[in-house]
Structure formats: C-alpha cells, structure tokens
Amino acid sequence: MLKKVECFMNPSALDELKDDLLAVGVEGMSVLDASGFGRQHGHMEHDDPAESVKFLKKLKLEIVVDEEMVDQVVAILRKLASDKTIGAGKIFVIPVEDAVRISTAESGKRAIY
C-alpha cells in the first residue's frame, strides 16, 4: 500500500533533508509554502486573544512512498526537520488508495517509482 507523508516544518533544513531522502530511495516530493498556527498560536503579541494569534511561515512537504519506507522517511524528517523548539512542525502519515502517472497511465507503485 502507498502512504503519503506530509510534514509541516521550518525551511532551514530543506536541502539536507532532500539529499537524505533521495539517498534512501525517495523518488520525488512536493514542497509548498504554508502558513498556520498550532497549539502555541504563533507569537502572542496582543492582550486580546482574538488578535494574539499569528500565522507562522512553514514549508509543507508531501512525499508518497511504499508503506515499507514510511518509518525510514519519518525518521529522517524527525531528525532533520526538528529544531527542538515548540512549533517546529508536524508529520502526518496518510493512506493513499491509488496513484496514476498521467503521461503513461501507470498506476499504484509503478506511478511513483
């Protein structure tokens, strides 16, 4: 089964992370600019709680891999994306029912490898 690993992270370690993921066989990934807040609500800047939430700039990585690679990918993300601070990010693992390569109509694992 295919799995999608989504990671919200600070952008500082992206190049090293990309190199390590390629080295273990990840064939591709998407990187998107994202902003949001989590439990810490961004930076508290005002007394009014409605005005104290600030959207923080992050990157969102999307990586689809075979389920046998998930633990390895998550370990790399945890190691390199973590800056040991609150708000460093989150990792989500989501089942993927199918994938289709548009140019060749290959599906399943063949669509991503």
N, C-alpha and C. Protein backbone atom coordinates (compact mmCIF):
# COMPACT_ATOMS: atom_id res chain seq x y z
N MET A 1 0.83 -1.18 0.00
CA MET A 1 0.00 0.00 0.00
C MET A 1 0.88 1.25 0.00
N LEU A 2 0.42 2.28 -0.67
CA LEU A 2 1.12 3.54 -0.70
C LEU A 2 0.70 4.40 0.48
N LYS A 3 1.63 5.22 0.95
CA LYS A 3 1.36 6.15 2.04
C LYS A 3 1.85 7.53 1.63
N LYS A 4 1.12 8.54 2.08
CA LYS A 4 1.55 9.92 1.87
C LYS A 4 2.04 10.46 3.20
N VAL A 5 3.26 10.95 3.21
CA VAL A 5 3.84 11.56 4.40
C VAL A 5 3.80 13.07 4.17
N GLU A 6 3.10 13.77 5.04
CA GLU A 6 3.04 15.23 4.99
C GLU A 6 3.81 15.77 6.18
N CYS A 7 4.62 16.76 5.94
CA CYS A 7 5.43 17.34 7.01
C CYS A 7 5.36 18.86 6.93
N PHE A 8 4.92 19.47 8.01
CA PHE A 8 4.97 20.92 8.14
C PHE A 8 6.22 21.23 8.94
N MET A 9 7.09 22.08 8.41
CA MET A 9 8.39 22.30 9.05
C MET A 9 8.91 23.70 8.76
N ASN A 10 9.91 24.10 9.54
CA ASN A 10 10.65 25.32 9.25
C ASN A 10 11.57 25.03 8.06
N PRO A 11 11.84 26.01 7.22
CA PRO A 11 12.58 25.76 5.98
C PRO A 11 14.08 25.54 6.11
N SER A 12 14.65 25.68 7.27
CA SER A 12 16.11 25.71 7.41
C SER A 12 16.84 24.45 6.95
N ALA A 13 16.25 23.28 7.10
CA ALA A 13 16.96 22.04 6.81
C ALA A 13 16.55 21.39 5.49
N LEU A 14 15.90 22.13 4.62
CA LEU A 14 15.31 21.52 3.42
C LEU A 14 16.35 20.86 2.51
N ASP A 15 17.47 21.50 2.24
CA ASP A 15 18.44 20.92 1.30
C ASP A 15 19.03 19.62 1.82
N GLU A 16 19.44 19.59 3.08
CA GLU A 16 19.99 18.36 3.66
C GLU A 16 18.92 17.27 3.71
N LEU A 17 17.71 17.65 4.06
CA LEU A 17 16.61 16.70 4.12
C LEU A 17 16.36 16.07 2.74
N LYS A 18 16.33 16.90 1.71
CA LYS A 18 16.13 16.41 0.34
C LYS A 18 17.21 15.41 -0.03
N ASP A 19 18.46 15.73 0.27
CA ASP A 19 19.57 14.83 -0.07
C ASP A 19 19.44 13.49 0.66
N ASP A 20 19.09 13.51 1.94
CA ASP A 20 18.95 12.27 2.71
C ASP A 20 17.78 11.44 2.22
N LEU A 21 16.67 12.08 1.84
CA LEU A 21 15.52 11.34 1.32
C LEU A 21 15.84 10.70 -0.03
N LEU A 22 16.54 11.43 -0.90
CA LEU A 22 16.94 10.85 -2.18
C LEU A 22 17.88 9.67 -1.98
N ALA A 23 18.76 9.75 -0.98
CA ALA A 23 19.72 8.68 -0.72
C ALA A 23 19.06 7.38 -0.28
N VAL A 24 17.87 7.45 0.33
CA VAL A 24 17.19 6.22 0.77
C VAL A 24 16.15 5.75 -0.24
N GLY A 25 16.06 6.42 -1.40
CA GLY A 25 15.19 5.91 -2.45
C GLY A 25 13.90 6.67 -2.68
N VAL A 26 13.71 7.79 -2.03
CA VAL A 26 12.52 8.60 -2.31
C VAL A 26 12.67 9.15 -3.72
N GLU A 27 11.66 8.93 -4.55
CA GLU A 27 11.74 9.30 -5.96
C GLU A 27 11.30 10.72 -6.25
N GLY A 28 10.57 11.34 -5.32
CA GLY A 28 10.12 12.70 -5.55
C GLY A 28 9.35 13.23 -4.36
N MET A 29 9.16 14.52 -4.35
CA MET A 29 8.39 15.16 -3.29
C MET A 29 7.91 16.50 -3.80
N SER A 30 6.89 17.00 -3.14
CA SER A 30 6.40 18.35 -3.40
C SER A 30 6.70 19.20 -2.18
N VAL A 31 7.09 20.44 -2.42
CA VAL A 31 7.36 21.38 -1.34
C VAL A 31 6.52 22.62 -1.62
N LEU A 32 5.71 22.99 -0.64
CA LEU A 32 4.82 24.14 -0.78
C LEU A 32 5.05 25.12 0.36
N ASP A 33 4.89 26.40 0.07
CA ASP A 33 4.90 27.40 1.13
C ASP A 33 3.58 27.29 1.88
N ALA A 34 3.66 27.34 3.20
CA ALA A 34 2.46 27.24 4.03
C ALA A 34 2.57 28.23 5.17
N SER A 35 1.44 28.56 5.75
CA SER A 35 1.43 29.35 6.97
C SER A 35 0.30 28.85 7.84
N GLY A 36 0.49 28.95 9.14
CA GLY A 36 -0.55 28.48 10.06
C GLY A 36 -0.09 28.62 11.49
N PHE A 37 -0.87 28.03 12.37
CA PHE A 37 -0.51 28.04 13.78
C PHE A 37 -0.98 26.74 14.40
N GLY A 38 -0.35 26.39 15.50
CA GLY A 38 -0.72 25.21 16.25
C GLY A 38 -1.08 25.59 17.66
N ARG A 39 -0.79 24.70 18.56
CA ARG A 39 -1.15 24.89 19.95
C ARG A 39 -0.57 26.18 20.54
N GLN A 40 0.60 26.60 20.08
CA GLN A 40 1.23 27.80 20.64
C GLN A 40 0.61 29.09 20.09
N HIS A 41 -0.26 28.99 19.07
CA HIS A 41 -0.96 30.13 18.47
C HIS A 41 -0.01 31.17 17.91
N GLY A 42 1.13 30.75 17.44
CA GLY A 42 2.08 31.71 16.89
C GLY A 42 2.67 32.56 18.00
N HIS A 43 2.98 33.76 17.71
CA HIS A 43 3.56 34.67 18.70
C HIS A 43 2.45 35.44 19.39
N MET A 44 2.43 35.46 20.70
CA MET A 44 1.45 36.25 21.44
C MET A 44 1.91 37.71 21.45
N GLU A 45 1.18 38.57 20.76
CA GLU A 45 1.60 39.96 20.62
C GLU A 45 0.60 40.95 21.20
N HIS A 46 -0.62 40.53 21.53
CA HIS A 46 -1.65 41.45 21.98
C HIS A 46 -2.34 40.87 23.21
N ASP A 47 -2.98 41.74 23.97
CA ASP A 47 -3.75 41.29 25.13
C ASP A 47 -5.05 40.61 24.70
N ASP A 48 -5.62 41.06 23.59
CA ASP A 48 -6.86 40.49 23.10
C ASP A 48 -6.57 39.13 22.45
N PRO A 49 -7.13 38.02 23.00
CA PRO A 49 -6.83 36.69 22.44
C PRO A 49 -7.15 36.57 20.96
N ALA A 50 -8.16 37.28 20.49
CA ALA A 50 -8.52 37.20 19.07
C ALA A 50 -7.43 37.82 18.19
N GLU A 51 -6.65 38.73 18.73
CA GLU A 51 -5.60 39.38 17.96
C GLU A 51 -4.22 38.78 18.24
N SER A 52 -4.16 37.84 19.16
CA SER A 52 -2.85 37.32 19.57
C SER A 52 -2.36 36.16 18.70
N VAL A 53 -3.21 35.63 17.85
CA VAL A 53 -2.81 34.51 17.01
C VAL A 53 -2.10 35.04 15.77
N LYS A 54 -0.92 34.50 15.50
CA LYS A 54 -0.15 34.90 14.33
C LYS A 54 0.15 33.68 13.49
N PHE A 55 -0.06 33.80 12.19
CA PHE A 55 0.27 32.71 11.29
C PHE A 55 1.78 32.68 11.09
N LEU A 56 2.38 31.51 11.31
CA LEU A 56 3.82 31.33 11.14
C LEU A 56 4.11 30.75 9.77
N LYS A 57 5.19 31.16 9.16
CA LYS A 57 5.58 30.65 7.84
C LYS A 57 6.27 29.31 8.00
N LYS A 58 5.83 28.33 7.23
CA LYS A 58 6.37 26.96 7.24
C LYS A 58 6.49 26.48 5.80
N LEU A 59 7.09 25.32 5.66
CA LEU A 59 7.04 24.57 4.41
C LEU A 59 6.17 23.35 4.64
N LYS A 60 5.49 22.92 3.60
CA LYS A 60 4.75 21.66 3.65
C LYS A 60 5.37 20.73 2.63
N LEU A 61 5.87 19.59 3.10
CA LEU A 61 6.41 18.56 2.22
C LEU A 61 5.36 17.48 2.05
N GLU A 62 5.20 17.01 0.82
CA GLU A 62 4.32 15.89 0.53
C GLU A 62 5.14 14.83 -0.19
N ILE A 63 5.18 13.63 0.39
CA ILE A 63 6.00 12.55 -0.13
C ILE A 63 5.15 11.29 -0.16
N VAL A 64 5.04 10.65 -1.32
CA VAL A 64 4.31 9.39 -1.42
C VAL A 64 5.32 8.27 -1.60
N VAL A 65 5.23 7.28 -0.70
CA VAL A 65 6.16 6.15 -0.72
C VAL A 65 5.40 4.86 -0.43
N ASP A 66 6.05 3.75 -0.71
CA ASP A 66 5.52 2.46 -0.32
C ASP A 66 5.54 2.37 1.20
N GLU A 67 4.59 1.66 1.78
CA GLU A 67 4.48 1.64 3.24
C GLU A 67 5.74 1.09 3.92
N GLU A 68 6.55 0.29 3.23
CA GLU A 68 7.79 -0.22 3.82
C GLU A 68 8.81 0.90 4.08
N MET A 69 8.67 2.02 3.39
CA MET A 69 9.62 3.13 3.54
C MET A 69 9.17 4.18 4.56
N VAL A 70 7.95 4.08 5.04
CA VAL A 70 7.39 5.14 5.88
C VAL A 70 8.23 5.40 7.13
N ASP A 71 8.60 4.36 7.86
CA ASP A 71 9.35 4.55 9.10
C ASP A 71 10.68 5.25 8.83
N GLN A 72 11.35 4.87 7.75
CA GLN A 72 12.63 5.48 7.41
C GLN A 72 12.46 6.96 7.04
N VAL A 73 11.43 7.27 6.25
CA VAL A 73 11.16 8.65 5.86
C VAL A 73 10.82 9.50 7.08
N VAL A 74 9.96 8.97 7.95
CA VAL A 74 9.58 9.71 9.15
C VAL A 74 10.80 9.95 10.04
N ALA A 75 11.67 8.95 10.16
CA ALA A 75 12.88 9.12 10.98
C ALA A 75 13.77 10.23 10.44
N ILE A 76 13.93 10.30 9.13
CA ILE A 76 14.74 11.37 8.52
C ILE A 76 14.09 12.72 8.76
N LEU A 77 12.78 12.80 8.58
CA LEU A 77 12.08 14.06 8.82
C LEU A 77 12.21 14.49 10.27
N ARG A 78 12.04 13.56 11.20
CA ARG A 78 12.14 13.90 12.62
C ARG A 78 13.54 14.41 12.96
N LYS A 79 14.55 13.76 12.39
CA LYS A 79 15.93 14.14 12.70
C LYS A 79 16.28 15.51 12.14
N LEU A 80 15.95 15.75 10.87
CA LEU A 80 16.43 16.95 10.20
C LEU A 80 15.46 18.13 10.28
N ALA A 81 14.17 17.87 10.44
CA ALA A 81 13.21 18.98 10.49
C ALA A 81 13.09 19.55 11.90
N SER A 82 13.52 18.80 12.88
CA SER A 82 13.37 19.25 14.26
C SER A 82 14.43 20.27 14.63
N ASP A 83 13.97 21.37 15.19
CA ASP A 83 14.92 22.33 15.76
C ASP A 83 14.76 22.38 17.28
N LYS A 84 14.08 21.37 17.83
CA LYS A 84 13.91 21.20 19.28
C LYS A 84 13.15 22.35 19.93
N THR A 85 12.32 23.05 19.16
CA THR A 85 11.53 24.13 19.74
C THR A 85 10.05 23.84 19.55
N ILE A 86 9.23 24.47 20.40
CA ILE A 86 7.79 24.38 20.22
C ILE A 86 7.46 25.04 18.89
N GLY A 87 6.59 24.40 18.11
CA GLY A 87 6.23 24.94 16.81
C GLY A 87 7.14 24.50 15.69
N ALA A 88 7.99 23.50 15.94
CA ALA A 88 8.91 23.03 14.91
C ALA A 88 8.17 22.38 13.74
N GLY A 89 6.96 21.85 13.97
CA GLY A 89 6.19 21.26 12.89
C GLY A 89 5.48 20.00 13.28
N LYS A 90 4.89 19.36 12.29
CA LYS A 90 4.15 18.11 12.48
C LYS A 90 4.39 17.21 11.27
N ILE A 91 4.24 15.90 11.51
CA ILE A 91 4.32 14.90 10.44
C ILE A 91 3.02 14.10 10.48
N PHE A 92 2.42 13.91 9.32
CA PHE A 92 1.21 13.10 9.19
C PHE A 92 1.46 11.99 8.18
N VAL A 93 0.96 10.79 8.47
CA VAL A 93 1.05 9.66 7.54
C VAL A 93 -0.38 9.28 7.17
N ILE A 94 -0.65 9.28 5.86
CA ILE A 94 -2.00 9.13 5.35
C ILE A 94 -2.02 8.01 4.30
N PRO A 95 -3.01 7.10 4.36
CA PRO A 95 -3.10 6.08 3.31
C PRO A 95 -3.45 6.69 1.95
N VAL A 96 -2.86 6.12 0.90
CA VAL A 96 -3.16 6.54 -0.47
C VAL A 96 -3.80 5.35 -1.18
N GLU A 97 -5.00 5.52 -1.65
CA GLU A 97 -5.71 4.42 -2.31
C GLU A 97 -5.09 4.06 -3.65
N ASP A 98 -4.66 5.06 -4.40
CA ASP A 98 -4.06 4.78 -5.70
C ASP A 98 -3.30 6.02 -6.16
N ALA A 99 -2.44 5.82 -7.13
CA ALA A 99 -1.72 6.91 -7.79
C ALA A 99 -1.69 6.58 -9.28
N VAL A 100 -1.78 7.58 -10.12
CA VAL A 100 -1.76 7.37 -11.57
C VAL A 100 -0.79 8.36 -12.18
N ARG A 101 0.18 7.83 -12.95
CA ARG A 101 1.09 8.70 -13.70
C ARG A 101 0.34 9.14 -14.95
N ILE A 102 0.13 10.43 -15.10
CA ILE A 102 -0.71 10.94 -16.18
C ILE A 102 -0.13 10.60 -17.55
N SER A 103 1.19 10.71 -17.73
CA SER A 103 1.77 10.53 -19.07
C SER A 103 1.70 9.11 -19.58
N THR A 104 1.73 8.10 -18.69
CA THR A 104 1.76 6.70 -19.14
C THR A 104 0.57 5.88 -18.67
N ALA A 105 -0.25 6.44 -17.79
CA ALA A 105 -1.40 5.76 -17.19
C ALA A 105 -1.00 4.63 -16.24
N GLU A 106 0.31 4.53 -15.89
CA GLU A 106 0.72 3.55 -14.90
C GLU A 106 0.06 3.90 -13.57
N SER A 107 -0.26 2.86 -12.80
CA SER A 107 -0.92 3.13 -11.52
C SER A 107 -0.23 2.38 -10.39
N GLY A 108 -0.64 2.70 -9.17
CA GLY A 108 -0.06 2.06 -7.99
C GLY A 108 1.39 2.44 -7.82
N LYS A 109 2.18 1.46 -7.36
CA LYS A 109 3.61 1.72 -7.11
C LYS A 109 4.34 2.15 -8.37
N ARG A 110 3.94 1.61 -9.52
CA ARG A 110 4.61 1.97 -10.77
C ARG A 110 4.46 3.46 -11.11
N ALA A 111 3.44 4.09 -10.56
CA ALA A 111 3.22 5.51 -10.84
C ALA A 111 4.21 6.39 -10.09
N ILE A 112 4.79 5.88 -9.00
CA ILE A 112 5.70 6.73 -8.23
C ILE A 112 7.15 6.26 -8.30
N TYR A 113 7.42 5.06 -8.79
CA TYR A 113 8.79 4.55 -8.89
C TYR A 113 9.19 4.35 -10.33
